[in-house]
Protein backbone atom coordinates (compact mmCIF):
# COMPACT_ATOMS: atom_id res chain seq x y z
CA MET A 1 16.85 -12.00 -14.06
CA GLU A 2 14.64 -14.00 -12.11
CA LEU A 3 11.33 -15.13 -13.64
CA PRO A 4 8.30 -15.00 -12.18
CA THR A 5 8.00 -19.83 -12.62
CA GLY A 6 10.82 -20.05 -10.45
CA PRO A 7 14.17 -22.24 -11.66
CA LEU A 8 14.83 -22.81 -15.42
CA PRO A 9 15.16 -25.50 -16.73
CA HIS A 10 19.06 -25.91 -17.67
CA SER A 11 19.59 -25.47 -21.34
CA TYR A 12 17.97 -22.37 -20.80
CA GLN A 13 20.04 -20.32 -18.32
CA ILE A 14 22.99 -19.52 -20.95
CA TYR A 15 20.39 -17.77 -23.06
CA LEU A 16 19.08 -15.14 -19.87
CA ASP A 17 23.23 -15.36 -18.51
CA GLN A 18 24.12 -14.45 -22.58
CA PHE A 19 21.05 -11.76 -22.50
CA TYR A 20 22.31 -8.34 -21.15
CA SER A 21 25.60 -8.30 -23.29
CA ASP A 22 23.50 -9.05 -26.11
CA PRO A 23 20.12 -9.29 -26.48
CA GLU A 24 19.61 -8.85 -30.56
CA GLY A 25 22.25 -11.97 -30.71
CA THR A 26 20.67 -13.48 -27.46
CA LEU A 27 17.40 -13.55 -28.82
CA THR A 28 17.68 -14.85 -32.39
CA LYS A 29 19.74 -17.81 -30.76
CA LEU A 30 17.11 -18.54 -28.35
CA GLU A 31 14.22 -18.25 -31.13
CA ASN A 32 15.87 -20.98 -33.89
CA HIS A 33 16.56 -23.20 -29.69
CA VAL A 34 13.01 -22.84 -29.16
CA THR A 35 11.67 -23.75 -33.08
CA LYS A 36 13.81 -26.19 -34.08
CA ARG A 37 13.69 -28.23 -30.84
CA ASN A 38 9.55 -27.86 -30.44
CA SER A 39 10.49 -25.98 -27.19
CA GLY A 40 6.28 -26.02 -25.92
CA ALA A 41 4.92 -23.48 -24.08
CA VAL A 42 7.82 -23.20 -21.99
CA GLY A 43 10.08 -21.78 -24.60
CA TYR A 44 8.02 -19.56 -25.92
CA TYR A 45 7.18 -18.01 -22.92
CA ILE A 46 11.16 -17.85 -22.25
CA LEU A 47 10.83 -16.01 -25.71
CA ALA A 48 7.95 -13.74 -24.98
CA VAL A 49 9.43 -12.62 -21.75
CA LEU A 50 12.92 -11.81 -22.45
CA SER A 51 11.95 -10.22 -26.05
CA ARG A 52 9.04 -7.42 -24.27
CA THR A 53 12.48 -6.95 -21.56
CA ALA A 54 13.85 -5.97 -24.90
CA GLY A 55 11.58 -4.11 -26.52
CA ARG A 56 10.25 -5.69 -28.68
CA ALA A 57 6.41 -5.82 -28.01
CA SER A 58 4.48 -7.55 -31.02
CA ALA A 59 6.68 -9.84 -30.71
CA ALA A 60 6.83 -10.53 -26.96
CA VAL A 61 2.79 -11.25 -27.49
CA LYS A 62 2.78 -12.99 -30.28
CA PHE A 63 5.30 -15.56 -28.11
CA ALA A 64 3.67 -15.38 -25.58
CA LEU A 65 0.21 -16.60 -27.88
CA SER A 66 1.79 -19.00 -29.03
CA ALA A 67 3.39 -20.63 -25.15
CA LYS A 68 -0.76 -20.45 -24.69
CA ILE A 69 -2.03 -22.48 -27.25
CA LEU A 70 0.66 -24.74 -26.32
CA ALA A 71 -0.61 -25.24 -23.11
CA PRO A 72 -4.23 -25.10 -23.12
CA GLY A 73 -4.82 -26.11 -19.43
CA SER A 74 -2.45 -23.59 -17.40
CA GLN A 75 -4.20 -20.49 -16.04
CA PHE A 76 -0.68 -18.89 -15.74
CA PHE A 77 -0.65 -19.19 -19.77
CA ARG A 78 -3.68 -18.74 -20.80
CA ARG A 79 -3.16 -15.02 -19.02
CA LEU A 80 0.62 -14.47 -20.84
CA PRO A 81 -0.66 -12.71 -23.18
CA TYR A 82 -1.94 -10.20 -21.26
CA PHE A 83 1.22 -10.02 -18.47
CA ILE A 84 2.97 -9.70 -22.11
CA GLN A 85 1.38 -6.26 -22.66
CA HIS A 86 0.31 -5.40 -19.60
CA PRO A 87 3.39 -5.72 -17.34
CA ASP A 88 2.55 -3.14 -14.83
CA TYR A 89 0.57 -5.13 -14.00
CA PHE A 90 0.74 -8.70 -13.98
CA ASP A 91 0.36 -8.65 -10.03
CA ALA A 92 -3.61 -7.87 -10.98
CA TRP A 93 -6.82 -8.90 -9.80
CA VAL A 94 -8.56 -12.16 -10.93
CA PRO A 95 -11.84 -13.25 -10.10
CA ASP A 96 -12.06 -16.43 -8.31
CA LYS A 97 -14.55 -17.62 -10.85
CA LEU A 98 -14.36 -16.88 -14.96
CA SER A 99 -17.25 -18.04 -17.05
CA GLN A 100 -16.25 -20.59 -19.09
CA ASN A 101 -19.05 -20.05 -21.66
CA ASN A 102 -17.66 -16.31 -21.85
CA GLY A 103 -21.82 -14.92 -21.42
CA SER A 104 -23.51 -16.59 -23.80
CA LYS A 105 -27.24 -15.90 -23.37
CA LYS A 106 -28.70 -18.53 -20.94
CA ASP A 107 -25.66 -17.33 -17.60
CA GLN A 108 -27.47 -13.48 -18.63
CA GLU A 109 -31.07 -14.92 -17.76
């Protein structure tokens, strides 16, 4: 499985290798690994992608939101929950300039 961000850290490669033979068992082990070691955004990202692949959409969104929270400056992780909810639109258009104040009244004038 090739993930969109490139090669995985070595500590996660074993989970990827085992995923197709036992998806549920692998996800349980990976979740324990990520939560015990406080793996940060990368661990939750991998959990989100593999959960989505296994058909666990609600868990995938939860993990994607955790990754977003743990990497507040990352544009990729900021959009990750959307990508997980809408996998067919992974190459969706993104505006060149995003409003930082989310449509405040001052911007509307």
